[in-house]
Every structure is written in C-alpha cells, then in structure tokens.
Amino acid sequence: MKITDGDAFSRSIGVPFFSPLITKKDKQAVLKALESPLLTDGPILREFENAFAKFAGAKFAIGVSNATSALHLTIKSAGIGNGDEVIIPDMTFVATASSVLLSGATPVLADINDDLNISVKSIEKSITSKTKAILPVHFAGKPCNMTDIGRIAKKNNLIVIEDCAHAIGSKYNKRHVGTFGSAGCFSFYPTKNITSIEGGMITTNSGKIAKYISTLRNHGILKSLKERYTHGKPWDYDVLEPGYNYRLDEIRSALGLSQLERINKLNSDRKRAFEYYNSKLDNVKGISTPKIQRDSTEAFHLYIIKIKKDYKISRDALFRKMLSQGIRTSVHYKPLHKFTVFKKKAKIYDKLDNSEMTYKEVISLPFYPQISRIQQDQVIECIV
C-alpha cells in the first residue's frame, strides 16, 4: 500500500483530532475560480447557493462568511434586538450566544438532554414575557426534537432559528434540519462535514428573509456586484440600513461546491468510523458511547464518549494519557455559564444540572471521514 505524505504526517504526530480532506478536484475548482475576473459575490456563489438549497430541501440558501455571521444575520432578520430574550442550550460553541448578544438581545441558557441536545423541559421553564425565539443546536449532527420545539414555539408565538453548524446531512423525520424554523445556519469551518475553509450558509423558505439577508451581508447595498457593473453607473446604488461585510467569495464557494458534490460519501465514511468505535467501546466498563437515533439521519459530525465514575481513570486523566501517546482529543464544550462574558450578560431560569455533569464526563475522540482503522485502533487500545 502506497504511503502518502499525509499518512506520514499523521504517523509523526500520532493520531490528529481532525485532518482536512482536500482532494485534487477541490484544488482544481479553486484554481479555476481564481481565473475569474469576479472573485466575490459572483456566479460560483450563486451555483453553490442553489446546490445547497436543493440538497437541504429549502427554497433559498444564502452564502455568508461563516456560521457566526449566518446566525447574526438570521437573528436580525427576525427583528430580534434590545429587550428580547433568545433561548439557547448551555452546551454549545460560544458563537451561538455571541450572535444573540451581537443583535442586542439576551441569551437565555437552557439545560441539555443526555444526547447533548437542548432539553424541551428546560426550554419551557425558560420562557418569559421577553422571550422572542428558540435557537436549538443540532449537537454533533444529532437532530433536536423539532416536533416538540415547534409545538412550544407555536403555543408561545416564538420564532425558531436552527443552529445547524454540525448538521450538514442531518434529517429529522426525513426532512433536512434548517427547514423547520424561519431559517437554519450552517458552517463550513475546516472541521465540518464539508469545508470552504471559512464560510457559512443560511437556508430559509421565506423570500422576504432571503432578500433581507442577501442585502445585509453586502453592506446593505441594494444591488449585487454584477448588477452594479452591468447596468448604469456602478456607484449609483442605495442603502436603507447599515449592513455588514459578510460575503462568501468565489474561491471558497468553489471549494464548498466541490465538497458538497461528495457530501453523501463523506457522511457515509463518518458513519462507518462512528460504528466501528461503537463496536469496540460499547462494552467497556465506565464508558458511555453515543447512540444512533433510528428515526433520524445523523451527520455524525463528532464522536463523543462519556467517562463515568466506574471507569478506571478520570476524564482529564484519560485526556492526558492519550495526549502522551500522541492522540489528540478535545471536549465539546465548556458550558456557556462558565464564561465570564455570559455570566454577566446571559440569563438562567432553570437548573443546568445535566450540562454541569456532562461537561465533567465528555471527551471527543479523533474523528474524520478518512480516519484509518489503524488510527482508530490506536485510540481504542488507549481507552480499553
């Protein structure tokens, strides 16, 4: 078997936590995009948007600079601002909460379930007269209970905005996530199921939301770059409200589009690696492995185990042991209520017991489509 430079690099550092998978075809797509005279806000972005909308089963998709800007723009499109509250899970990446704060609203931290997704019961306990929206996160690619979340939202006249950063390819009741609420926000960060290096996408079935976000991502300018330089004077445009430079350029769009073409294969390889870990770790005393939801399609973005009290060492001790053997791991995530900024600016109306306990137990193992059985066996041997 031929050993590639990538294989040699992986062996030299043991097992990386993540390794990007950029193919020759991806590189060719990027180089071709570089030949275009229009390097941003152009036809490749439109092609990527159309392909992603079709993939997700949404009427519209709007490409933006990253998932944080996607969340920020979507929250603004819902008219959420000063004095409003948005319910989010306590265990998520800081960008979820920061996006709420950037809009002027207040994040309300809710507890999580055993599957790491937001707790429906905690959502109900966190609703006040100021609540404007629920922002569920499909954690590690496992879809949230959108039936109950939708029911609560309807009952209380709340907006639902989905954080789908982990969930490219995830479906709930055969419907792609990001199409249940007013909009869904996706990430193409290097560790995600497909990457454009940096980048994000917003899916929506609302033409009004799509138009508003498309304008606001480009400084609030009412004309696209193509429109400005095709008809009339390129400087003769209007701005109705201050916008942002949240554009997704042609280079990253080309990479994202190329990767999207093989998303099913990438997710299938992730599932295979996920199931192999489970087959070897399911019966290890003191280890709780993630379960696959049979009524959903998961994107298998992360592989997270829980270290219980009857395991031979603590979670942190296992982290140190694996690190000493060149195996990189991480924790997803430090709960939001432990960060200084959110201690000051977020609100909590329910106990966060499960989030607190889970944070002490979880550890994310090396996981990516091209991870080899040899690499997985190194990780497994270190655990068992």
Protein backbone atom coordinates (compact mmCIF):
# COMPACT_ATOMS: atom_id res chain seq x y z
CA MET A 1 0.00 0.00 0.00
CA LYS A 2 1.36 3.38 -1.00
CA ILE A 3 2.04 5.73 1.92
CA THR A 4 1.15 9.34 1.19
CA ASP A 5 2.72 12.43 2.73
CA GLY A 6 -0.49 12.85 4.73
CA ASP A 7 -0.12 9.36 6.18
CA ALA A 8 3.47 10.07 7.16
CA PHE A 9 2.45 13.33 8.81
CA SER A 10 -0.35 11.63 10.75
CA ARG A 11 2.02 8.94 12.00
CA SER A 12 4.60 11.51 13.04
CA ILE A 13 2.10 13.17 15.41
CA GLY A 14 0.22 10.00 16.38
CA VAL A 15 -3.48 10.48 15.72
CA PRO A 16 -4.67 14.03 14.99
CA PHE A 17 -8.01 15.13 16.34
CA PHE A 18 -9.03 16.18 12.85
CA SER A 19 -7.46 16.11 9.41
CA PRO A 20 -8.89 18.11 6.47
CA LEU A 21 -9.77 16.14 3.34
CA ILE A 22 -8.97 18.31 0.32
CA THR A 23 -8.87 16.41 -2.97
CA LYS A 24 -7.21 17.14 -6.29
CA LYS A 25 -10.65 18.01 -7.68
CA ASP A 26 -11.16 20.53 -4.86
CA LYS A 27 -7.86 22.20 -5.68
CA GLN A 28 -8.70 22.33 -9.39
CA ALA A 29 -12.03 24.01 -8.60
CA VAL A 30 -10.26 26.67 -6.53
CA LEU A 31 -7.65 27.31 -9.24
CA LYS A 32 -10.35 27.65 -11.87
CA ALA A 33 -12.22 30.16 -9.69
CA LEU A 34 -9.03 32.23 -9.42
CA GLU A 35 -9.11 32.77 -13.19
CA SER A 36 -12.41 34.62 -12.97
CA PRO A 37 -12.43 38.45 -13.16
CA LEU A 38 -15.15 38.41 -10.48
CA LEU A 39 -13.69 36.98 -7.27
CA THR A 40 -16.55 37.73 -4.89
CA ASP A 41 -20.36 37.91 -4.99
CA GLY A 42 -20.32 36.09 -8.33
CA PRO A 43 -21.72 33.13 -10.30
CA ILE A 44 -19.94 30.38 -8.35
CA LEU A 45 -21.51 31.63 -5.12
CA ARG A 46 -24.93 31.54 -6.81
CA GLU A 47 -24.25 27.99 -8.02
CA PHE A 48 -23.19 26.92 -4.53
CA GLU A 49 -26.29 28.53 -3.01
CA ASN A 50 -28.60 26.81 -5.49
CA ALA A 51 -26.94 23.43 -4.97
CA PHE A 52 -27.11 23.73 -1.19
CA ALA A 53 -30.77 24.80 -1.26
CA LYS A 54 -31.57 21.74 -3.36
CA PHE A 55 -29.56 19.48 -1.06
CA ALA A 56 -31.31 20.79 2.07
CA GLY A 57 -34.75 20.93 0.51
CA ALA A 58 -35.08 24.68 1.11
CA LYS A 59 -36.41 27.34 -1.26
CA PHE A 60 -33.45 29.64 -0.65
CA ALA A 61 -29.83 29.42 0.52
CA ILE A 62 -27.64 32.45 1.17
CA GLY A 63 -23.88 32.06 1.43
CA VAL A 64 -22.06 34.11 4.06
CA SER A 65 -18.59 34.44 5.55
CA ASN A 66 -19.13 31.98 8.41
CA ALA A 67 -21.82 30.42 10.62
CA THR A 68 -21.48 33.19 13.22
CA SER A 69 -22.43 35.80 10.63
CA ALA A 70 -25.20 33.45 9.49
CA LEU A 71 -26.66 33.41 13.00
CA HIS A 72 -26.22 37.15 13.44
CA LEU A 73 -27.99 37.99 10.17
CA THR A 74 -30.78 35.50 10.79
CA ILE A 75 -31.46 36.86 14.27
CA LYS A 76 -31.58 40.39 12.85
CA SER A 77 -33.91 39.27 10.05
CA ALA A 78 -36.36 38.12 12.73
CA GLY A 79 -36.48 41.61 14.22
CA ILE A 80 -34.85 40.44 17.44
CA GLY A 81 -32.98 43.09 19.40
CA ASN A 82 -32.75 45.07 22.62
CA GLY A 83 -35.00 43.78 25.39
CA ASP A 84 -35.64 40.42 23.70
CA GLU A 85 -34.54 37.03 25.00
CA VAL A 86 -33.44 34.03 22.94
CA ILE A 87 -33.32 30.54 24.47
CA ILE A 88 -30.19 28.54 23.57
CA PRO A 89 -28.53 25.41 25.00
CA ASP A 90 -25.93 25.91 27.71
CA MET A 91 -23.62 23.43 26.00
CA THR A 92 -22.71 24.83 22.61
CA PHE A 93 -19.91 26.81 21.00
CA VAL A 94 -19.67 30.41 22.18
CA ALA A 95 -20.69 31.72 18.74
CA THR A 96 -24.30 30.71 19.37
CA ALA A 97 -24.55 33.01 22.38
CA SER A 98 -22.32 35.73 20.93
CA SER A 99 -24.60 36.04 17.90
CA VAL A 100 -27.53 36.73 20.19
CA LEU A 101 -25.54 39.40 22.05
CA LEU A 102 -24.42 40.98 18.76
CA SER A 103 -28.07 41.50 17.89
CA GLY A 104 -28.62 43.35 21.17
CA ALA A 105 -30.75 40.56 22.65
CA THR A 106 -30.07 38.42 25.73
CA PRO A 107 -29.18 34.72 25.53
CA VAL A 108 -31.09 32.52 27.98
CA LEU A 109 -29.20 29.33 28.83
CA ALA A 110 -31.23 26.11 28.95
CA ASP A 111 -30.16 22.66 30.10
CA ILE A 112 -29.43 19.71 27.80
CA ASN A 113 -30.56 16.09 27.46
CA ASP A 114 -28.37 13.02 27.71
CA ASP A 115 -27.92 13.18 23.92
CA LEU A 116 -26.36 16.66 24.38
CA ASN A 117 -29.23 18.45 22.61
CA ILE A 118 -31.32 21.16 24.26
CA SER A 119 -33.90 19.95 26.78
CA VAL A 120 -37.53 20.60 25.83
CA LYS A 121 -38.49 20.74 29.52
CA SER A 122 -35.78 23.32 30.16
CA ILE A 123 -37.00 25.39 27.21
CA GLU A 124 -40.46 25.50 28.74
CA LYS A 125 -39.04 26.62 32.10
CA SER A 126 -37.02 29.37 30.41
CA ILE A 127 -39.85 31.17 28.61
CA THR A 128 -40.72 34.65 29.88
CA SER A 129 -42.68 37.61 28.58
CA LYS A 130 -39.45 38.77 26.89
CA THR A 131 -38.78 35.53 25.02
CA LYS A 132 -38.72 36.09 21.26
CA ALA A 133 -37.07 32.94 19.89
CA ILE A 134 -35.78 29.43 20.49
CA LEU A 135 -32.39 28.64 18.97
CA PRO A 136 -31.77 24.85 19.11
CA VAL A 137 -28.37 23.43 18.18
CA HIS A 138 -28.27 20.06 16.41
CA PHE A 139 -25.32 18.93 18.50
CA ALA A 140 -22.70 16.70 16.84
CA GLY A 141 -25.10 16.23 13.93
CA LYS A 142 -27.87 14.64 16.00
CA PRO A 143 -31.21 16.35 15.20
CA CYS A 144 -33.09 18.02 18.04
CA ASN A 145 -36.70 17.13 18.82
CA MET A 146 -38.15 19.60 16.35
CA THR A 147 -41.70 18.31 16.85
CA ASP A 148 -41.82 19.40 20.48
CA ILE A 149 -39.77 22.53 19.88
CA GLY A 150 -42.14 23.53 17.11
CA ARG A 151 -45.13 22.86 19.35
CA ILE A 152 -43.72 25.05 22.13
CA ALA A 153 -42.87 27.80 19.66
CA LYS A 154 -46.34 27.81 18.17
CA LYS A 155 -48.02 27.78 21.58
CA ASN A 156 -45.97 30.77 22.76
CA ASN A 157 -45.76 32.65 19.45
CA LEU A 158 -41.97 32.25 19.25
CA ILE A 159 -39.57 32.20 16.33
CA VAL A 160 -37.37 29.14 15.77
CA ILE A 161 -33.86 29.61 14.34
CA GLU A 162 -31.79 26.44 13.92
CA ASP A 163 -28.05 26.26 14.55
CA CYS A 164 -27.04 23.56 12.06
CA ALA A 165 -23.26 24.09 12.23
CA HIS A 166 -22.74 20.38 12.99
CA ALA A 167 -25.56 19.06 10.89
CA ILE A 168 -24.89 19.08 7.14
CA GLY A 169 -26.83 16.00 6.07
CA SER A 170 -28.88 15.56 9.25
CA LYS A 171 -32.59 14.86 8.85
CA TYR A 172 -35.46 14.75 11.32
CA ASN A 173 -38.50 12.77 10.18
CA LYS A 174 -36.93 12.60 6.70
CA ARG A 175 -36.70 16.39 6.49
CA HIS A 176 -33.34 18.17 6.47
CA VAL A 177 -32.60 20.29 9.52
CA GLY A 178 -32.56 24.01 8.86
CA THR A 179 -36.02 23.88 7.27
CA PHE A 180 -38.16 23.65 10.42
CA GLY A 181 -37.81 27.19 11.70
CA SER A 182 -37.66 30.56 9.99
CA ALA A 183 -34.09 29.74 8.94
CA GLY A 184 -31.16 27.37 9.51
CA CYS A 185 -27.49 28.33 9.87
CA PHE A 186 -24.68 26.06 8.61
CA SER A 187 -20.91 26.13 8.97
CA PHE A 188 -18.13 25.25 6.50
CA TYR A 189 -15.28 25.62 9.00
CA PRO A 190 -12.36 23.20 8.29
CA THR A 191 -13.58 20.60 10.83
CA LYS A 192 -17.14 20.49 9.49
CA ASN A 193 -18.61 17.78 7.26
CA ILE A 194 -17.76 19.87 4.20
CA THR A 195 -15.47 22.86 4.23
CA SER A 196 -14.89 26.10 2.36
CA ILE A 197 -12.10 26.84 4.90
CA GLU A 198 -14.25 29.61 6.37
CA GLY A 199 -17.85 30.08 5.31
CA GLY A 200 -21.48 29.55 6.18
CA MET A 201 -24.92 29.16 4.66
CA ILE A 202 -28.43 30.21 5.66
CA THR A 203 -31.41 28.16 4.48
CA THR A 204 -34.95 29.53 4.53
CA ASN A 205 -38.29 29.12 2.79
CA SER A 206 -39.05 32.82 3.16
CA GLY A 207 -38.31 35.04 0.17
CA LYS A 208 -38.51 38.08 2.44
CA ILE A 209 -35.85 36.74 4.81
CA ALA A 210 -33.62 35.64 1.91
CA LYS A 211 -33.75 39.08 0.29
CA TYR A 212 -33.09 40.89 3.57
CA ILE A 213 -30.09 38.71 4.45
CA SER A 214 -28.67 38.87 0.90
CA THR A 215 -28.70 42.67 1.13
CA LEU A 216 -27.39 42.96 4.68
CA ARG A 217 -24.44 40.60 4.04
CA ASN A 218 -23.20 43.10 1.43
CA HIS A 219 -23.13 46.35 3.45
CA GLY A 220 -26.87 46.82 2.93
CA ILE A 221 -26.31 47.67 -0.74
CA LEU A 222 -29.46 47.06 -2.76
CA LYS A 223 -27.62 45.91 -5.90
CA SER A 224 -25.34 42.92 -6.40
CA LEU A 225 -21.83 43.48 -7.76
CA LYS A 226 -22.91 42.08 -11.14
CA GLU A 227 -25.93 44.40 -11.27
CA ARG A 228 -23.82 47.43 -10.44
CA TYR A 229 -21.32 46.80 -13.24
CA THR A 230 -23.78 45.53 -15.86
CA HIS A 231 -26.35 48.32 -15.93
CA GLY A 232 -25.87 52.05 -15.40
CA LYS A 233 -23.39 53.69 -13.08
CA PRO A 234 -21.67 51.20 -10.68
CA TRP A 235 -21.60 53.75 -7.87
CA ASP A 236 -25.30 54.59 -8.15
CA TYR A 237 -26.90 52.37 -5.53
CA ASP A 238 -28.84 52.85 -2.32
CA VAL A 239 -28.51 51.62 1.28
CA LEU A 240 -31.58 51.51 3.52
CA GLU A 241 -29.82 50.43 6.73
CA PRO A 242 -26.24 49.70 7.82
CA GLY A 243 -25.07 46.28 6.70
CA TYR A 244 -22.02 44.06 7.08
CA ASN A 245 -19.22 42.63 5.01
CA TYR A 246 -20.36 39.04 5.49
CA ARG A 247 -19.84 37.92 1.88
CA LEU A 248 -18.72 34.47 0.77
CA ASP A 249 -16.18 34.85 -2.04
CA GLU A 250 -15.86 32.83 -5.25
CA ILE A 251 -12.77 30.92 -4.11
CA ARG A 252 -14.36 29.49 -1.00
CA SER A 253 -17.64 28.95 -2.85
CA ALA A 254 -15.80 26.84 -5.41
CA LEU A 255 -14.26 24.69 -2.68
CA GLY A 256 -17.57 24.32 -0.86
CA LEU A 257 -19.42 23.41 -4.05
CA SER A 258 -16.81 20.80 -4.93
CA GLN A 259 -17.04 19.26 -1.47
CA LEU A 260 -20.85 19.34 -1.48
CA GLU A 261 -20.81 17.06 -4.53
CA ARG A 262 -19.47 14.24 -2.34
CA ILE A 263 -21.23 15.00 0.95
CA ASN A 264 -23.09 11.68 0.95
CA LYS A 265 -19.82 9.75 0.64
CA LEU A 266 -18.17 11.87 3.34
CA ASN A 267 -21.05 11.30 5.75
CA SER A 268 -21.15 7.60 4.92
CA ASP A 269 -17.44 7.31 5.80
CA ARG A 270 -18.11 9.17 9.05
CA LYS A 271 -20.89 6.74 9.91
CA ARG A 272 -18.61 3.78 9.23
CA ALA A 273 -15.95 5.18 11.60
CA PHE A 274 -18.63 6.02 14.18
CA GLU A 275 -20.00 2.46 14.14
CA TYR A 276 -16.50 0.97 14.41
CA TYR A 277 -15.77 3.00 17.54
CA ASN A 278 -19.11 1.88 18.99
CA SER A 279 -18.44 -1.79 18.20
CA LYS A 280 -15.19 -1.68 20.16
CA LEU A 281 -16.19 0.64 23.04
CA ASP A 282 -19.84 -0.29 23.71
CA ASN A 283 -18.99 -2.86 26.37
CA VAL A 284 -16.07 -1.12 28.06
CA LYS A 285 -16.89 -0.63 31.73
CA GLY A 286 -17.30 3.02 32.66
CA ILE A 287 -17.62 4.21 29.04
CA SER A 288 -20.90 5.50 27.64
CA THR A 289 -20.96 5.56 23.84
CA PRO A 290 -23.23 7.73 21.66
CA LYS A 291 -26.39 6.07 20.38
CA ILE A 292 -27.71 6.41 16.84
CA GLN A 293 -31.27 7.73 16.53
CA ARG A 294 -33.14 5.23 14.38
CA ASP A 295 -35.87 7.70 13.41
CA SER A 296 -33.39 10.31 12.15
CA THR A 297 -30.49 10.68 9.74
CA GLU A 298 -27.38 11.94 11.50
CA ALA A 299 -24.42 13.79 10.04
CA PHE A 300 -22.02 12.11 12.53
CA HIS A 301 -20.02 15.29 12.99
CA LEU A 302 -18.30 14.31 16.27
CA TYR A 303 -17.67 11.10 18.18
CA ILE A 304 -18.17 11.82 21.87
CA ILE A 305 -17.98 9.34 24.74
CA LYS A 306 -18.76 9.90 28.41
CA ILE A 307 -16.35 8.82 31.14
CA LYS A 308 -18.41 7.54 34.07
CA LYS A 309 -17.35 7.21 37.71
CA ASP A 310 -16.71 3.47 37.38
CA TYR A 311 -14.12 3.93 34.62
CA LYS A 312 -10.55 3.24 35.74
CA ILE A 313 -9.38 6.88 35.46
CA SER A 314 -10.97 10.32 35.24
CA ARG A 315 -11.82 12.12 32.00
CA ASP A 316 -8.93 14.55 32.43
CA ALA A 317 -6.54 11.71 33.22
CA LEU A 318 -7.62 9.95 30.03
CA PHE A 319 -7.06 13.16 28.08
CA ARG A 320 -3.51 13.36 29.46
CA LYS A 321 -2.84 9.68 28.78
CA MET A 322 -3.94 9.95 25.18
CA LEU A 323 -2.00 13.15 24.65
CA SER A 324 1.16 11.44 25.96
CA GLN A 325 0.68 8.83 23.23
CA GLY A 326 0.23 11.41 20.50
CA ILE A 327 -3.56 11.09 20.34
CA ARG A 328 -5.34 14.42 20.19
CA THR A 329 -8.75 14.77 21.80
CA SER A 330 -10.99 17.64 22.86
CA VAL A 331 -14.13 18.48 24.86
CA HIS A 332 -17.31 19.82 23.25
CA TYR A 333 -17.98 22.11 25.03
CA LYS A 334 -17.22 24.11 28.11
CA PRO A 335 -20.74 25.23 29.15
CA LEU A 336 -21.61 28.83 28.40
CA HIS A 337 -22.43 29.65 32.01
CA LYS A 338 -18.75 29.17 32.88
CA PHE A 339 -17.56 32.01 30.63
CA THR A 340 -17.08 35.45 32.17
CA VAL A 341 -18.97 37.31 29.43
CA PHE A 342 -22.04 35.07 29.68
CA LYS A 343 -22.00 35.13 33.47
CA LYS A 344 -22.51 38.86 33.10
CA LYS A 345 -24.81 39.04 30.09
CA ALA A 346 -26.80 35.79 29.83
CA LYS A 347 -29.80 34.76 31.91
CA ILE A 348 -30.63 31.41 33.51
CA TYR A 349 -34.14 30.44 34.63
CA ASP A 350 -33.62 26.70 35.06
CA LYS A 351 -31.03 24.50 36.76
CA LEU A 352 -28.22 23.42 34.46
CA ASP A 353 -27.53 20.15 36.27
CA ASN A 354 -27.18 17.94 33.21
CA SER A 355 -24.93 20.42 31.43
CA GLU A 356 -22.74 20.71 34.53
CA MET A 357 -22.44 16.93 34.94
CA THR A 358 -21.96 16.21 31.24
CA TYR A 359 -19.10 18.70 30.98
CA LYS A 360 -17.12 16.64 33.50
CA GLU A 361 -17.69 13.41 31.55
CA VAL A 362 -17.45 14.06 27.81
CA ILE A 363 -14.41 13.67 25.61
CA SER A 364 -14.35 13.88 21.81
CA LEU A 365 -12.19 11.31 20.06
CA PRO A 366 -10.27 11.73 16.77
CA PHE A 367 -12.90 11.56 14.04
CA TYR A 368 -12.98 12.38 10.32
CA PRO A 369 -14.01 10.60 7.10
CA GLN A 370 -10.56 9.31 6.19
CA ILE A 371 -9.52 8.14 9.66
CA SER A 372 -7.98 4.69 9.26
CA ARG A 373 -8.74 1.55 11.23
CA ILE A 374 -5.13 1.61 12.38
CA GLN A 375 -5.63 5.09 13.82
CA GLN A 376 -8.95 4.14 15.43
CA ASP A 377 -7.37 1.01 16.93
CA GLN A 378 -4.65 3.17 18.50
CA VAL A 379 -7.35 5.30 20.13
CA ILE A 380 -9.38 2.26 21.24
CA GLU A 381 -6.32 0.49 22.68
CA CYS A 382 -5.56 3.55 24.78
CA ILE A 383 -9.10 3.52 26.21
CA VAL A 384 -9.75 -0.16 26.86
